[in-house]
Amino acid sequence: MLAVSLCFSGFFNANAQSDSTKSSPVITGSLDAYYRYNFADPAGKLNNYTSFTNSQNSFELGMASIKVDHSIGKVSATVDLGFGRRAQEFSYNDANTMFSIKQAYLSWAVSDKFKLTAGKWATHVGYELVDATGNRNYSMSYGFSYGPFFHTGVKADISLGGKSALMVGIASPTDFTTTTSPNKVFIAQFSTGTKNDKLKAYLNYQGGKTGSNSGFGQFDLVLLGTISSKFTINYDGTIANVKTAGTTSSWSSNAVYLNFDPSSKLGLTLRGEYFDDKKSASAGAFGSSVFATTLSANLKVGPLTFIPEIRMDNGSNDIFFKSGGTATKSTSGFLIAAVYKF
């Protein structure tokens, strides 16, 4: 990291002398809030095992975000701040606070085909995003919830010509903004697509050691398909192998997103996900598989989007709870969210 810092420092000095092009900071942001109700309403239980909607029968602030981008010539900087429960859960390894530096990184476009970035940034793994404005379903998938959230390190983006590109990088342990651990994580992404952009593919990876006899590796594939101007199909499949004390186990997720937009004011998304954690390899240690079906509407009024949503989760084992507190294999619920973007 020291060598990278010196490289960036030297370039910044040279660039300041050779390129006086300046721009004003670009400020964007968002705000989201929601209400969730699980139909079983078990006492002391939420019947929720995915990120950012851990509540029952209450109105909640999701997150308020402010993002600032600035560039001078070939150098750019981004700071992305979040406030709220979503920000707190996103940076769960940091201090227990509702304020989070979601992203903070510097980039140097060495050429039109090669860019270096150093700092903290949201993960490349998966289809869903931490910001509610980037998702059509408000509740999150299991694959997102137990995959990586962010990386802190250095990466290189390389254009391979046409629609293809490669990203490689080295980062600190996943989801840590700061750590004393000497372990490192290798990250990579290969992306490509058809000439008309109707099919795009992203093959993602993260992996590394977590101890002398432990580690992990995760492969992820995202496919984006455009059928027409009103209908798209997206897929996110991931498998993670986890080695603990010399024993390796795995979990996986396969999610399909069917998106239909009958008008510019209305969008519908059906997400079906099969999450397999029978070996208790994920951080949730379910010992079960789950099939989750989520139907969401996106009702748009200018920069404001309302998202009413119905969700049903069915496990292979009794991991949910009935109203009386007895265990059961399935649960269902409703939420409505409001998302504002500026």
Protein backbone atom coordinates (compact mmCIF):
# COMPACT_ATOMS: atom_id res chain seq x y z
CA MET A 1 0.00 0.00 0.00
CA LEU A 2 2.95 2.33 0.69
CA ALA A 3 4.22 1.85 -2.85
CA VAL A 4 0.76 2.56 -4.21
CA SER A 5 0.51 5.72 -2.08
CA LEU A 6 3.86 6.97 -3.34
CA CYS A 7 2.79 6.22 -6.91
CA PHE A 8 -0.42 8.21 -6.47
CA SER A 9 1.41 11.01 -4.67
CA GLY A 10 3.97 11.37 -7.41
CA PHE A 11 1.33 11.40 -10.07
CA PHE A 12 -0.79 13.98 -8.27
CA ASN A 13 2.20 16.35 -8.16
CA ALA A 14 2.98 15.81 -11.83
CA ASN A 15 -0.65 16.07 -12.84
CA ALA A 16 -1.12 19.32 -10.92
CA GLN A 17 1.69 20.86 -12.95
CA SER A 18 0.60 19.51 -16.34
CA ASP A 19 -3.20 19.66 -16.16
CA SER A 20 -5.01 22.68 -14.80
CA THR A 21 -8.47 21.46 -15.87
CA LYS A 22 -10.82 21.79 -12.92
CA SER A 23 -14.43 20.91 -12.29
CA SER A 24 -16.97 21.62 -9.60
CA PRO A 25 -17.86 18.83 -7.17
CA VAL A 26 -20.89 16.75 -8.17
CA ILE A 27 -23.19 16.12 -5.21
CA THR A 28 -25.86 13.41 -5.30
CA GLY A 29 -27.85 11.71 -2.59
CA SER A 30 -30.83 9.66 -1.56
CA LEU A 31 -33.17 8.97 1.33
CA ASP A 32 -35.25 5.88 1.99
CA ALA A 33 -37.67 4.76 4.70
CA TYR A 34 -39.96 1.75 5.08
CA TYR A 35 -42.59 -0.09 7.11
CA ARG A 36 -42.44 -3.89 7.42
CA TYR A 37 -45.00 -6.32 8.83
CA ASN A 38 -44.48 -10.06 9.13
CA PHE A 39 -47.88 -11.77 9.05
CA ALA A 40 -46.99 -14.28 11.79
CA ASP A 41 -45.90 -11.49 14.17
CA PRO A 42 -44.16 -13.83 16.66
CA ALA A 43 -43.27 -12.25 20.00
CA GLY A 44 -39.59 -11.33 20.17
CA LYS A 45 -38.88 -12.62 16.65
CA LEU A 46 -38.53 -10.81 13.32
CA ASN A 47 -38.71 -13.75 10.86
CA ASN A 48 -36.11 -11.92 8.80
CA TYR A 49 -32.63 -13.21 7.92
CA THR A 50 -31.62 -10.75 5.20
CA SER A 51 -30.01 -7.32 5.40
CA PHE A 52 -31.53 -3.91 6.08
CA THR A 53 -35.13 -4.86 7.01
CA ASN A 54 -34.65 -6.13 10.55
CA SER A 55 -37.81 -4.69 12.06
CA GLN A 56 -41.42 -5.64 12.74
CA ASN A 57 -44.54 -3.46 12.68
CA SER A 58 -42.58 -0.22 12.85
CA PHE A 59 -41.63 2.68 10.60
CA GLU A 60 -37.88 2.79 9.98
CA LEU A 61 -35.34 5.09 8.36
CA GLY A 62 -33.32 3.02 5.93
CA MET A 63 -30.51 5.38 5.02
CA ALA A 64 -29.76 8.98 4.11
CA SER A 65 -26.83 9.20 1.69
CA ILE A 66 -24.64 12.02 0.43
CA LYS A 67 -22.09 11.34 -2.31
CA VAL A 68 -19.49 13.83 -3.55
CA ASP A 69 -17.47 13.25 -6.73
CA HIS A 70 -14.69 15.54 -7.89
CA SER A 71 -12.13 15.33 -10.68
CA ILE A 72 -9.13 17.29 -11.92
CA GLY A 73 -7.77 16.05 -15.21
CA LYS A 74 -7.10 12.33 -14.91
CA VAL A 75 -7.47 12.25 -11.14
CA SER A 76 -10.77 11.86 -9.31
CA ALA A 77 -11.98 11.41 -5.74
CA THR A 78 -15.23 10.08 -4.29
CA VAL A 79 -16.64 10.29 -0.78
CA ASP A 80 -19.95 8.51 -0.09
CA LEU A 81 -21.51 8.91 3.37
CA GLY A 82 -24.48 7.08 4.85
CA PHE A 83 -26.65 7.68 7.91
CA GLY A 84 -29.17 5.20 9.33
CA ARG A 85 -29.72 1.51 10.07
CA ARG A 86 -28.79 0.45 6.54
CA ALA A 87 -25.46 2.29 6.81
CA GLN A 88 -24.86 0.74 10.23
CA GLU A 89 -25.45 -2.80 8.98
CA PHE A 90 -23.36 -2.15 5.85
CA SER A 91 -20.27 -1.28 7.95
CA TYR A 92 -21.07 -3.82 10.68
CA ASN A 93 -17.39 -4.34 11.63
CA ASP A 94 -16.90 -0.65 12.41
CA ALA A 95 -17.98 1.11 15.60
CA ASN A 96 -21.66 0.63 16.42
CA THR A 97 -22.92 3.87 14.90
CA MET A 98 -25.56 4.85 12.37
CA PHE A 99 -22.97 6.93 10.50
CA SER A 100 -20.81 5.18 7.92
CA ILE A 101 -18.22 6.10 5.31
CA LYS A 102 -19.68 3.80 2.68
CA GLN A 103 -17.05 4.64 0.09
CA ALA A 104 -13.96 6.85 -0.02
CA TYR A 105 -11.49 6.35 -2.83
CA LEU A 106 -9.06 8.02 -5.23
CA SER A 107 -8.73 7.10 -8.91
CA TRP A 108 -6.06 7.80 -11.50
CA ALA A 109 -6.89 7.23 -15.18
CA VAL A 110 -3.39 6.35 -16.37
CA SER A 111 -4.78 6.01 -19.90
CA ASP A 112 -8.11 5.42 -21.60
CA LYS A 113 -7.56 1.68 -21.03
CA PHE A 114 -6.04 1.56 -17.55
CA LYS A 115 -7.23 3.03 -14.23
CA LEU A 116 -5.97 2.64 -10.66
CA THR A 117 -8.20 3.05 -7.61
CA ALA A 118 -7.23 3.05 -3.91
CA GLY A 119 -9.49 3.33 -0.86
CA LYS A 120 -12.80 1.78 0.20
CA TRP A 121 -15.53 0.93 -2.33
CA ALA A 122 -18.72 -1.12 -2.55
CA THR A 123 -18.16 -4.69 -3.71
CA HIS A 124 -18.27 -5.79 -7.34
CA VAL A 125 -19.72 -9.16 -6.29
CA GLY A 126 -23.42 -9.66 -6.91
CA TYR A 127 -26.33 -7.89 -8.59
CA GLU A 128 -27.91 -5.96 -5.71
CA LEU A 129 -26.53 -2.74 -4.19
CA VAL A 130 -26.38 -1.20 -0.73
CA ASP A 131 -28.27 1.91 -1.92
CA ALA A 132 -32.02 1.35 -2.18
CA THR A 133 -32.05 3.54 -5.31
CA GLY A 134 -30.09 0.84 -7.15
CA ASN A 135 -32.56 -2.00 -6.48
CA ARG A 136 -36.09 -2.70 -7.68
CA ASN A 137 -36.84 -4.97 -4.71
CA TYR A 138 -36.51 -3.19 -1.37
CA SER A 139 -35.77 -6.25 0.77
CA MET A 140 -32.47 -7.94 0.01
CA SER A 141 -31.61 -11.42 -1.21
CA TYR A 142 -29.79 -14.01 0.89
CA GLY A 143 -26.94 -13.97 -1.63
CA PHE A 144 -26.39 -10.25 -1.06
CA SER A 145 -26.81 -10.48 2.71
CA TYR A 146 -24.14 -13.15 3.21
CA GLY A 147 -21.79 -12.09 0.44
CA PRO A 148 -19.30 -9.21 0.67
CA PHE A 149 -20.43 -5.61 1.20
CA PHE A 150 -17.24 -3.66 0.50
CA HIS A 151 -13.47 -3.81 0.04
CA THR A 152 -10.61 -1.61 1.26
CA GLY A 153 -7.48 -1.80 -0.86
CA VAL A 154 -6.22 -1.08 -4.36
CA LYS A 155 -7.52 -2.26 -7.74
CA ALA A 156 -6.81 -1.83 -11.44
CA ASP A 157 -9.46 -1.56 -14.17
CA ILE A 158 -8.22 -2.66 -17.59
CA SER A 159 -10.10 -2.24 -20.87
CA LEU A 160 -9.67 -5.28 -23.13
CA GLY A 161 -11.31 -3.68 -26.14
CA GLY A 162 -14.88 -3.78 -27.34
CA LYS A 163 -17.28 -4.58 -24.49
CA SER A 164 -14.78 -6.54 -22.41
CA ALA A 165 -12.88 -5.40 -19.33
CA LEU A 166 -10.88 -6.84 -16.45
CA MET A 167 -10.55 -5.71 -12.84
CA VAL A 168 -7.98 -7.13 -10.42
CA GLY A 169 -7.11 -5.99 -6.93
CA ILE A 170 -5.75 -6.70 -3.47
CA ALA A 171 -7.76 -5.75 -0.39
CA SER A 172 -7.80 -6.05 3.37
CA PRO A 173 -10.12 -8.68 4.90
CA THR A 174 -13.60 -8.25 3.41
CA ASP A 175 -15.96 -5.74 5.07
CA PHE A 176 -13.25 -4.11 7.19
CA THR A 177 -12.55 -0.39 6.81
CA THR A 178 -9.54 -0.72 9.11
CA THR A 179 -7.89 -3.81 10.59
CA THR A 180 -4.64 -5.04 12.10
CA SER A 181 -4.94 -8.38 10.28
CA PRO A 182 -2.07 -9.13 7.86
CA ASN A 183 -4.34 -11.30 5.69
CA LYS A 184 -5.23 -10.08 2.20
CA VAL A 185 -8.08 -10.82 -0.20
CA PHE A 186 -7.67 -11.14 -3.96
CA ILE A 187 -10.55 -9.67 -5.97
CA ALA A 188 -11.29 -9.86 -9.68
CA GLN A 189 -13.99 -9.26 -12.28
CA PHE A 190 -14.25 -10.06 -15.97
CA SER A 191 -17.06 -8.27 -17.80
CA THR A 192 -18.26 -8.48 -21.37
CA GLY A 193 -21.38 -8.01 -23.47
CA THR A 194 -22.89 -8.07 -26.92
CA LYS A 195 -22.44 -5.12 -29.27
CA ASN A 196 -26.04 -3.98 -28.77
CA ASP A 197 -25.76 -4.33 -24.95
CA LYS A 198 -28.78 -6.64 -24.84
CA LEU A 199 -26.74 -9.24 -22.98
CA LYS A 200 -24.09 -8.40 -20.40
CA ALA A 201 -22.07 -10.76 -18.22
CA TYR A 202 -19.95 -10.23 -15.11
CA LEU A 203 -17.81 -13.01 -13.63
CA ASN A 204 -16.69 -12.02 -10.13
CA TYR A 205 -14.32 -13.47 -7.55
CA GLN A 206 -13.01 -12.84 -4.05
CA GLY A 207 -10.86 -15.12 -1.95
CA GLY A 208 -8.04 -15.35 0.53
CA LYS A 209 -6.82 -16.70 3.86
CA THR A 210 -8.49 -15.89 7.16
CA GLY A 211 -5.99 -17.81 9.29
CA SER A 212 -3.18 -20.37 9.19
CA ASN A 213 -5.56 -23.20 8.27
CA SER A 214 -8.66 -21.33 7.14
CA GLY A 215 -9.80 -19.24 4.19
CA PHE A 216 -12.52 -18.76 1.62
CA GLY A 217 -13.21 -18.36 -2.08
CA GLN A 218 -16.35 -17.04 -3.77
CA PHE A 219 -17.32 -17.08 -7.44
CA ASP A 220 -20.27 -15.04 -8.67
CA LEU A 221 -21.92 -14.68 -12.09
CA VAL A 222 -24.27 -11.85 -13.03
CA LEU A 223 -26.17 -11.90 -16.34
CA LEU A 224 -28.28 -8.98 -17.59
CA GLY A 225 -30.63 -9.67 -20.47
CA THR A 226 -32.81 -7.16 -22.30
CA ILE A 227 -35.75 -8.78 -24.07
CA SER A 228 -37.50 -5.54 -25.03
CA SER A 229 -37.82 -1.94 -23.88
CA LYS A 230 -40.34 -3.13 -21.28
CA PHE A 231 -39.00 -6.53 -20.20
CA THR A 232 -35.62 -7.61 -18.80
CA ILE A 233 -34.35 -10.79 -17.15
CA ASN A 234 -31.39 -10.75 -14.76
CA TYR A 235 -29.57 -13.55 -12.97
CA ASP A 236 -27.17 -13.66 -10.04
CA GLY A 237 -25.56 -16.95 -9.07
CA THR A 238 -22.90 -17.32 -6.40
CA ILE A 239 -21.07 -20.12 -4.62
CA ALA A 240 -18.76 -19.66 -1.65
CA ASN A 241 -16.35 -22.24 -0.25
CA VAL A 242 -15.36 -21.71 3.38
CA LYS A 243 -12.43 -23.52 5.01
CA THR A 244 -12.38 -23.62 8.82
CA ALA A 245 -9.79 -25.61 10.79
CA GLY A 246 -8.99 -27.61 7.67
CA THR A 247 -12.62 -28.52 6.90
CA THR A 248 -14.25 -27.05 3.78
CA SER A 249 -17.97 -26.45 3.33
CA SER A 250 -19.99 -24.26 0.98
CA TRP A 251 -23.13 -22.21 0.52
CA SER A 252 -24.75 -20.97 -2.68
CA SER A 253 -27.44 -18.67 -4.01
CA ASN A 254 -29.23 -18.55 -7.35
CA ALA A 255 -31.57 -15.62 -7.97
CA VAL A 256 -33.61 -14.66 -11.04
CA TYR A 257 -35.14 -11.18 -11.49
CA LEU A 258 -38.02 -10.66 -13.92
CA ASN A 259 -38.58 -6.96 -14.59
CA PHE A 260 -41.58 -5.56 -16.43
CA ASP A 261 -42.15 -1.84 -17.04
CA PRO A 262 -45.59 -1.20 -18.59
CA SER A 263 -44.95 2.56 -18.36
CA SER A 264 -42.34 5.06 -17.21
CA LYS A 265 -44.32 5.47 -13.98
CA LEU A 266 -44.75 1.80 -13.09
CA GLY A 267 -42.35 -1.11 -12.80
CA LEU A 268 -42.86 -4.67 -11.52
CA THR A 269 -40.13 -7.04 -10.36
CA LEU A 270 -40.45 -10.69 -9.36
CA ARG A 271 -37.39 -12.14 -7.64
CA GLY A 272 -37.06 -15.86 -7.05
CA GLU A 273 -34.06 -17.07 -5.05
CA TYR A 274 -32.86 -20.50 -3.96
CA PHE A 275 -30.39 -20.20 -1.10
CA ASP A 276 -28.58 -23.38 -0.01
CA ASP A 277 -26.85 -23.32 3.36
CA LYS A 278 -27.53 -26.87 4.52
CA LYS A 279 -23.91 -27.17 5.69
CA SER A 280 -24.13 -23.96 7.79
CA ALA A 281 -21.24 -22.43 5.86
CA SER A 282 -22.63 -18.88 5.66
CA ALA A 283 -22.42 -16.32 8.46
CA GLY A 284 -26.09 -17.09 9.15
CA ALA A 285 -25.30 -20.79 9.78
CA PHE A 286 -28.83 -21.80 8.76
CA GLY A 287 -28.39 -25.54 8.33
CA SER A 288 -31.21 -25.23 5.81
CA SER A 289 -32.05 -24.18 2.30
CA VAL A 290 -34.52 -21.36 1.61
CA PHE A 291 -36.64 -20.56 -1.42
CA ALA A 292 -37.67 -16.90 -1.29
CA THR A 293 -40.16 -15.22 -3.62
CA THR A 294 -40.48 -11.43 -3.66
CA LEU A 295 -42.89 -9.34 -5.74
CA SER A 296 -42.29 -5.59 -5.78
CA ALA A 297 -43.93 -2.68 -7.57
CA ASN A 298 -42.10 0.57 -8.33
CA LEU A 299 -44.49 3.54 -8.44
CA LYS A 300 -42.60 6.62 -9.62
CA VAL A 301 -43.50 10.24 -8.95
CA GLY A 302 -40.60 12.33 -10.21
CA PRO A 303 -37.53 11.54 -8.06
CA LEU A 304 -39.70 9.67 -5.53
CA THR A 305 -40.41 5.94 -5.82
CA PHE A 306 -42.90 4.00 -3.70
CA ILE A 307 -42.19 0.26 -3.38
CA PRO A 308 -45.00 -1.94 -2.04
CA GLU A 309 -43.72 -5.50 -1.65
CA ILE A 310 -44.92 -9.00 -0.77
CA ARG A 311 -42.38 -11.63 0.28
CA MET A 312 -42.61 -15.36 1.05
CA ASP A 313 -39.73 -17.45 2.45
CA ASN A 314 -39.85 -21.25 2.59
CA GLY A 315 -37.11 -23.23 4.35
CA SER A 316 -36.28 -26.92 4.16
CA ASN A 317 -36.11 -26.90 7.98
CA ASP A 318 -38.03 -25.08 10.72
CA ILE A 319 -36.09 -21.80 10.83
CA PHE A 320 -39.05 -19.40 11.08
CA PHE A 321 -41.68 -18.90 13.79
CA LYS A 322 -45.47 -18.88 14.05
CA SER A 323 -47.41 -16.30 16.05
CA GLY A 324 -47.36 -18.54 19.12
CA GLY A 325 -43.60 -18.96 18.94
CA THR A 326 -43.49 -22.52 17.58
CA ALA A 327 -41.03 -23.19 14.77
CA THR A 328 -42.18 -23.53 11.16
CA LYS A 329 -40.67 -23.86 7.70
CA SER A 330 -42.25 -20.80 6.07
CA THR A 331 -43.17 -17.18 6.65
CA SER A 332 -44.53 -14.24 4.68
CA GLY A 333 -44.82 -10.51 5.05
CA PHE A 334 -45.48 -7.13 3.51
CA LEU A 335 -43.54 -3.89 3.39
CA ILE A 336 -43.87 -0.51 1.77
CA ALA A 337 -40.89 1.75 1.17
CA ALA A 338 -40.35 5.27 -0.09
CA VAL A 339 -37.10 6.07 -1.89
CA TYR A 340 -36.05 9.59 -2.92
CA LYS A 341 -33.06 10.33 -5.15
CA PHE A 342 -31.42 13.66 -5.95
